[in-house]
Protein backbone atom coordinates (compact mmCIF):
# COMPACT_ATOMS: atom_id res chain seq x y z
CA MET A 1 -12.48 149.44 165.92
CA LYS A 2 -8.82 149.55 166.98
CA SER A 3 -5.69 150.28 164.98
CA LEU A 4 -2.02 149.83 165.81
CA ILE A 5 0.42 151.90 163.75
CA LEU A 6 3.62 149.93 163.32
CA TYR A 7 6.27 152.29 161.95
CA GLY A 8 9.91 151.91 161.11
CA PHE A 9 8.98 148.65 159.37
CA ASP A 10 11.59 147.21 156.97
CA MET A 11 9.46 145.57 154.27
CA LYS A 12 12.34 143.84 152.49
CA ASN A 13 14.18 142.48 155.51
CA GLN A 14 11.21 141.53 157.71
CA PRO A 15 9.05 139.32 155.44
CA THR A 16 8.31 136.73 158.11
CA LEU A 17 7.04 139.40 160.51
CA LEU A 18 4.80 140.77 157.77
CA SER A 19 3.42 137.27 157.14
CA LYS A 20 2.73 136.73 160.84
CA ILE A 21 0.83 140.01 161.06
CA LYS A 22 -1.21 139.21 157.95
CA SER A 23 -2.19 135.83 159.37
CA SER A 24 -3.71 137.35 162.52
CA PHE A 25 -4.84 140.89 161.71
CA GLU A 26 -6.26 143.12 159.00
CA ILE A 27 -3.34 145.06 157.52
CA ILE A 28 -3.04 148.40 155.73
CA ARG A 29 0.31 149.02 154.00
CA VAL A 30 0.88 152.74 153.72
CA ASP A 31 4.11 152.23 151.77
CA LEU A 32 2.15 150.88 148.80
CA ALA A 33 0.11 154.09 148.53
CA TRP A 34 3.29 156.17 148.54
CA GLU A 35 4.80 154.11 145.74
CA LEU A 36 1.59 154.19 143.73
CA PHE A 37 0.72 157.88 143.99
CA LEU A 38 3.95 159.76 144.78
CA ASP A 39 6.93 157.64 143.77
CA GLY A 40 10.06 159.82 144.06
CA LYS A 41 8.19 162.91 145.29
CA GLY A 42 7.20 161.07 148.43
CA LYS A 43 10.70 160.31 149.75
CA THR A 44 13.55 162.31 151.24
CA VAL A 45 17.11 161.91 149.96
CA GLU A 46 17.63 159.50 152.86
CA GLY A 47 14.72 157.35 151.67
CA LEU A 48 12.18 158.32 154.35
CA LEU A 49 8.53 158.57 153.38
CA THR A 50 7.52 162.23 153.38
CA ILE A 51 4.68 164.50 152.28
CA PRO A 52 5.30 167.14 149.58
CA GLU A 53 4.88 170.72 150.75
CA GLY A 54 1.90 172.82 149.74
CA ASN A 55 -1.72 172.22 148.81
CA PRO A 56 -2.75 168.59 149.54
CA ARG A 57 -5.42 168.73 146.84
CA VAL A 58 -2.70 169.26 144.25
CA GLN A 59 0.21 167.38 145.82
CA TRP A 60 -1.07 164.24 147.55
CA PHE A 61 -4.85 164.06 147.77
CA ASP A 62 -4.96 160.64 146.07
CA ILE A 63 -3.15 159.21 149.09
CA ASN A 64 -5.65 160.88 151.39
CA LYS A 65 -8.57 159.32 149.48
CA TRP A 66 -6.86 155.91 149.39
CA LEU A 67 -6.25 155.79 153.15
CA HIS A 68 -9.77 156.95 154.00
CA LYS A 69 -11.21 154.31 151.69
CA ALA A 70 -9.00 151.65 153.26
CA PHE A 71 -10.32 152.45 156.74
CA SER A 72 -13.93 153.13 155.79
CA SER A 73 -14.17 149.67 154.20
CA HIS A 74 -13.86 148.23 157.72
CA VAL A 75 -16.43 150.50 159.36
CA ASP A 76 -19.99 149.49 160.18
CA MET A 77 -21.72 152.62 161.44
CA LEU A 78 -24.74 150.72 162.79
CA SER A 79 -23.08 147.99 164.81
CA ASN A 80 -20.38 147.70 167.42
CA ASN A 81 -17.23 146.61 165.62
CA SER A 82 -14.88 147.49 168.48
CA LYS A 83 -13.20 144.08 168.20
CA LYS A 84 -11.98 144.79 164.68
CA ALA A 85 -8.16 144.83 164.71
CA ILE A 86 -6.20 146.71 162.05
CA VAL A 87 -2.43 147.02 161.85
CA THR A 88 -1.25 149.99 159.80
CA VAL A 89 2.30 149.42 158.58
CA ILE A 90 4.66 152.29 157.73
CA PRO A 91 8.38 152.23 156.84
CA ASN A 92 10.71 154.89 158.23
CA CYS A 93 9.05 158.26 157.70
CA THR A 94 9.16 161.94 158.56
CA PRO A 95 6.98 163.22 161.47
CA ASP A 96 4.38 164.73 159.13
CA VAL A 97 3.63 161.30 157.60
CA LEU A 98 3.16 159.71 161.02
CA GLU A 99 0.86 162.57 162.08
CA PHE A 100 -1.21 162.21 158.90
CA VAL A 101 -1.65 158.47 159.44
CA GLN A 102 -2.44 158.94 163.15
CA ARG A 103 -5.07 161.58 162.38
CA THR A 104 -6.71 159.39 159.74
CA CYS A 105 -6.69 156.30 161.98
CA SER A 106 -8.21 158.32 164.81
CA ILE A 107 -11.20 159.38 162.70
CA TYR A 108 -12.24 155.75 162.22
CA CYS A 109 -10.89 154.03 165.34
CA ALA A 110 -11.80 154.40 169.00
CA LYS A 111 -8.33 153.24 170.02
CA VAL A 112 -5.05 153.97 168.22
CA GLY A 113 -1.58 152.90 169.31
CA THR A 114 1.90 153.49 167.89
CA LEU A 115 4.89 151.17 168.07
CA ASN A 116 8.29 152.36 166.87
CA ILE A 117 10.20 149.26 165.80
CA ASN A 118 13.49 151.08 165.26
CA LYS A 119 13.47 152.74 168.66
CA HIS A 120 12.93 149.57 170.67
CA GLN A 121 14.72 146.98 168.48
CA LEU A 122 12.20 144.28 169.39
CA GLU A 123 12.28 140.64 168.36
CA GLU A 124 9.48 139.47 166.08
CA ASN A 125 7.80 137.37 168.76
CA LYS A 126 7.81 140.34 171.15
CA ILE A 127 6.22 142.56 168.50
CA ILE A 128 3.43 140.01 167.96
CA GLU A 129 2.96 139.74 171.73
CA GLU A 130 2.64 143.54 172.00
CA LEU A 131 0.07 143.57 169.20
CA ASN A 132 -2.01 140.85 170.84
CA HIS A 133 -1.94 142.61 174.21
CA PHE A 134 -2.94 145.92 172.61
CA PHE A 135 -5.95 144.48 170.81
CA GLU A 136 -6.97 142.49 173.91
CA ASP A 137 -6.85 145.70 176.01
CA ARG A 138 -4.04 144.31 178.15
CA ASP A 139 -1.02 146.25 179.37
CA THR A 140 1.81 146.78 176.86
CA GLU A 141 5.44 147.74 177.41
CA PHE A 142 6.27 149.69 174.26
CA ILE A 143 3.04 150.81 172.58
CA GLN A 144 2.13 154.48 172.98
CA ASP A 145 -1.32 156.03 172.81
CA GLY A 146 -1.60 157.50 169.30
CA TRP A 147 -5.21 158.71 169.17
CA VAL A 148 -5.48 162.30 167.87
CA PRO A 149 -8.74 164.30 167.85
CA PRO A 150 -9.87 165.91 164.55
CA ILE A 151 -8.90 169.35 165.85
CA ILE A 152 -6.24 171.89 164.94
CA ASN A 153 -5.67 175.25 166.65
CA TYR A 154 -4.16 177.71 164.20
CA LYS A 155 -2.94 179.96 167.04
CA GLU A 156 -0.91 177.29 168.83
CA PRO A 157 2.56 176.05 167.81
CA ASN A 158 2.12 174.29 164.51
CA THR A 159 2.48 170.54 164.06
CA PRO A 160 4.76 168.98 161.39
CA LEU A 161 1.77 168.25 159.13
CA PHE A 162 0.36 171.77 159.57
CA GLU A 163 3.70 173.18 158.42
CA LYS A 164 3.85 170.86 155.41
CA CYS A 165 0.38 172.06 154.39
CA SER A 166 1.41 175.72 154.68
CA LYS A 167 3.11 177.87 152.09
CA GLN A 168 4.23 181.45 151.64
CA LYS A 169 2.59 183.05 148.61
CA GLY A 170 3.87 186.56 148.09
CA ASP A 171 3.62 188.32 151.43
CA GLY A 172 0.88 186.04 152.74
CA LYS A 173 0.83 182.60 154.34
CA PHE A 174 -1.68 179.96 153.24
CA THR A 175 -2.49 176.74 155.10
CA TRP A 176 -4.61 174.06 153.42
CA LEU A 177 -6.59 172.04 155.96
CA ALA A 178 -8.34 169.47 153.76
CA GLY A 179 -5.51 166.95 153.85
CA PHE A 180 -5.53 166.24 157.56
CA LEU A 181 -8.89 167.18 159.07
CA GLY A 182 -10.57 164.23 157.40
CA SER A 183 -13.18 165.60 155.00
CA ASP A 184 -12.68 165.03 151.28
CA ARG A 185 -15.53 167.38 150.28
CA LEU A 186 -14.66 170.43 152.39
CA PHE A 187 -11.63 172.20 150.94
CA ALA A 188 -10.68 174.56 153.74
CA GLN A 189 -7.75 176.91 154.00
CA ILE A 190 -6.56 179.67 156.29
CA TYR A 191 -4.79 182.65 154.85
CA HIS A 192 -2.91 185.32 156.74
CA LEU A 193 -2.67 188.47 154.63
CA PRO A 194 -0.38 191.37 155.56
CA SER A 195 -1.36 195.01 155.23
CA ASN A 196 -3.09 196.03 151.98
CA SER A 197 -2.46 192.69 150.25
CA SER A 198 -4.91 190.41 148.44
CA GLY A 199 -5.37 186.68 149.01
CA ASN A 200 -7.09 185.67 145.81
CA ARG A 201 -8.34 186.91 142.47
CA LEU A 202 -11.81 188.32 141.97
CA HIS A 203 -13.67 185.14 141.00
CA SER A 204 -16.91 183.15 141.00
CA HIS A 205 -17.78 179.43 140.87
CA SER A 206 -20.44 177.61 138.88
CA ASP A 207 -20.78 174.56 141.15
CA VAL A 208 -18.77 175.14 144.35
CA ASP A 209 -20.26 176.96 147.33
CA GLU A 210 -17.87 179.02 149.44
CA MET A 211 -18.07 180.36 152.98
CA TYR A 212 -15.58 182.66 154.68
CA LEU A 213 -15.03 183.51 158.34
CA VAL A 214 -12.88 186.49 159.32
CA LEU A 215 -10.80 185.13 162.21
CA GLU A 216 -8.67 188.21 162.88
CA GLY A 217 -8.16 191.73 161.60
CA GLU A 218 -10.18 193.74 159.13
CA GLY A 219 -10.17 194.78 155.51
CA PHE A 220 -12.44 194.87 152.47
CA MET A 221 -14.36 192.39 150.37
CA LYS A 222 -14.30 193.43 146.74
CA THR A 223 -17.17 192.09 144.64
CA ASN A 224 -18.39 192.64 141.09
CA ARG A 225 -21.02 194.93 142.61
CA LYS A 226 -19.35 197.00 145.33
CA GLU A 227 -16.55 197.08 147.95
CA ILE A 228 -17.63 196.17 151.48
CA PRO A 229 -15.70 196.59 154.78
CA ILE A 230 -15.21 193.35 156.74
CA LYS A 231 -14.00 192.68 160.29
CA GLN A 232 -13.34 189.91 162.81
CA GLY A 233 -16.38 187.68 163.27
CA ASP A 234 -17.94 188.34 159.88
CA ILE A 235 -19.31 185.25 158.09
CA ILE A 236 -19.56 185.57 154.32
CA THR A 237 -21.21 183.23 151.83
CA LYS A 238 -20.85 182.89 148.07
CA PRO A 239 -23.46 180.48 146.65
CA SER A 240 -22.44 178.60 143.52
CA GLY A 241 -23.92 179.69 140.22
CA SER A 242 -24.96 183.10 141.59
CA GLY A 243 -22.42 185.08 139.58
CA LEU A 244 -21.26 186.73 142.81
CA GLN A 245 -17.52 187.40 142.56
CA THR A 246 -15.29 188.02 145.58
CA GLU A 247 -11.77 189.09 146.44
CA PHE A 248 -10.41 189.93 149.90
CA ILE A 249 -8.06 192.82 150.62
CA ALA A 250 -6.37 193.23 154.00
CA GLY A 251 -6.56 196.46 155.98
CA GLU A 252 -3.67 198.28 157.62
CA LYS A 253 -3.16 195.63 160.32
CA GLY A 254 -3.66 192.61 158.07
CA ILE A 255 -6.39 189.98 158.11
CA THR A 256 -6.78 186.22 158.73
CA ILE A 257 -9.58 184.37 156.92
CA LEU A 258 -10.93 180.81 157.03
CA ASP A 259 -12.08 179.89 153.52
CA ILE A 260 -14.23 176.77 153.03
CA GLU A 261 -15.18 175.39 149.62
CA VAL A 262 -17.99 172.81 149.57
CA TRP A 263 -17.75 170.16 146.84
CA SER A 264 -20.33 167.45 146.12
CA ARG A 265 -17.46 165.15 145.14
CA ILE A 266 -13.73 165.51 144.59
CA ASP A 267 -13.90 165.28 140.79
CA GLN A 268 -17.02 167.37 140.18
CA THR A 269 -17.04 169.78 137.26
CA ASP A 270 -16.67 173.46 138.16
CA VAL A 271 -16.26 176.60 136.06
CA VAL A 272 -14.28 179.42 137.69
CA HIS A 273 -14.56 182.90 136.17
CA TYR A 274 -11.75 185.45 136.66
CA PRO A 275 -13.24 188.62 135.10
CA GLU A 276 -10.22 190.89 135.59
CA TYR A 277 -8.06 188.37 133.74
CA SER A 278 -10.66 187.56 131.05
CA GLU A 279 -10.20 183.89 131.97
CA ILE A 280 -12.36 180.85 132.52
CA LEU A 281 -11.02 177.76 134.31
CA LEU A 282 -12.85 174.53 133.47
CA ARG A 283 -11.95 171.69 135.83
CA GLY A 284 -13.38 168.30 136.69
CA LYS A 285 -13.03 164.64 135.80
CA GLY A 286 -10.92 164.59 132.64
CA LEU A 287 -10.96 168.41 132.49
CA ASN A 288 -8.29 170.99 133.31
CA HIS A 289 -8.45 173.84 130.79
CA ALA A 290 -8.28 177.64 130.67
CA PHE A 291 -10.08 179.78 128.11
CA SER A 292 -10.32 183.46 127.28
CA THR A 293 -13.72 185.05 127.85
CA GLU A 294 -13.09 187.31 124.86
CA GLY A 295 -14.40 184.63 122.51
CA SER A 296 -17.26 183.37 124.65
CA THR A 297 -20.80 183.44 123.34
CA SER A 298 -24.20 182.10 124.34
CA GLY A 299 -24.58 178.33 124.30
CA ASN A 300 -27.82 178.85 122.40
CA ASP A 301 -25.69 179.75 119.40
CA ILE A 302 -24.64 176.10 119.06
CA MET A 303 -28.20 174.81 118.99
CA GLU A 304 -29.34 177.49 116.56
CA HIS A 305 -26.69 176.38 114.05
CA TYR A 306 -26.52 172.70 115.09
CA ASN A 307 -27.12 171.29 111.60
CA GLN A 308 -24.71 173.64 109.86
CA THR A 309 -21.00 172.96 109.29
CA TYR A 310 -18.55 175.52 110.68
CA LYS A 311 -15.45 176.04 112.82
CA ARG A 312 -15.53 178.27 115.90
CA ALA A 313 -12.88 181.03 115.69
CA LEU A 314 -10.91 182.37 118.66
CA ASP A 315 -13.07 185.49 118.77
CA GLY A 316 -16.21 183.37 119.08
CA SER A 317 -17.40 183.87 115.53
CA LYS A 318 -18.23 181.02 113.17
CA VAL A 319 -16.39 180.22 109.97
CA PHE A 320 -18.87 178.35 107.81
CA GLU A 321 -17.80 175.65 105.40
CA ILE A 322 -18.50 176.60 101.81
CA LYS A 323 -19.77 173.65 99.80
CA GLU A 324 -18.89 173.63 96.10
């Protein structure tokens, strides 16, 4: 499968070009996803498409799912569909948007090209000619190779998308990788923690497995059982539902950790327990709630009193209805 990314496209003022492309090729309009899922948050003051800073899972993961679904609908894993031709259309955008689209295209397509309409000021017929030549594997004048491998090196100079997915939190720096490495069920992040700082709360998951790899430095892993020294090269696992709670604390020279959460699906239900805060986070499809553990009690209590009428109080006790 091949994809040509046509960016700098003026949707309002180039309707005939859009019609010509639709008549000859499969088309994916990235601008529609931005309008649908981000609206004003997805544009700069100059009107360029952009990606909000921070965690993709919170900020723009719906776009990520939409674009992957758009491409995967054209894939046949068991047959050679190399002749499939897809044109991905993007208006003027910031470099991080172009990188995101290139990375996603490259996961599904053996050949990816980019054509900057604004840079070359091409006539419509010339654009169509370039597209035809690209998909026929003939020489082109203005199309650049846009294929990007699903790789990022955290030690090398960061790309525009890498920077958009990074954020300072306290003294540490966190980079969320899920948005541009292609998987929608591996929520990975890298955090760089300075001396004696912590990267997360002591916590456990009911339905999300976690694995950690110490990339650099050393420090301690605090659990609900004991404190354990950790160093570069250590691989740590936290199986879901085990009750094992973890928190990482950097040593004197700091520490860098790769943290991978494994989800069965993006909207699965998960209970996160923060014992030092007496909090429970309940999240999932139609769920996003926090509760105090002070009032928690065994679920068996509900079944034992199932046929009685009462209200559950904040402290977990039951206030029974008195019938006259």
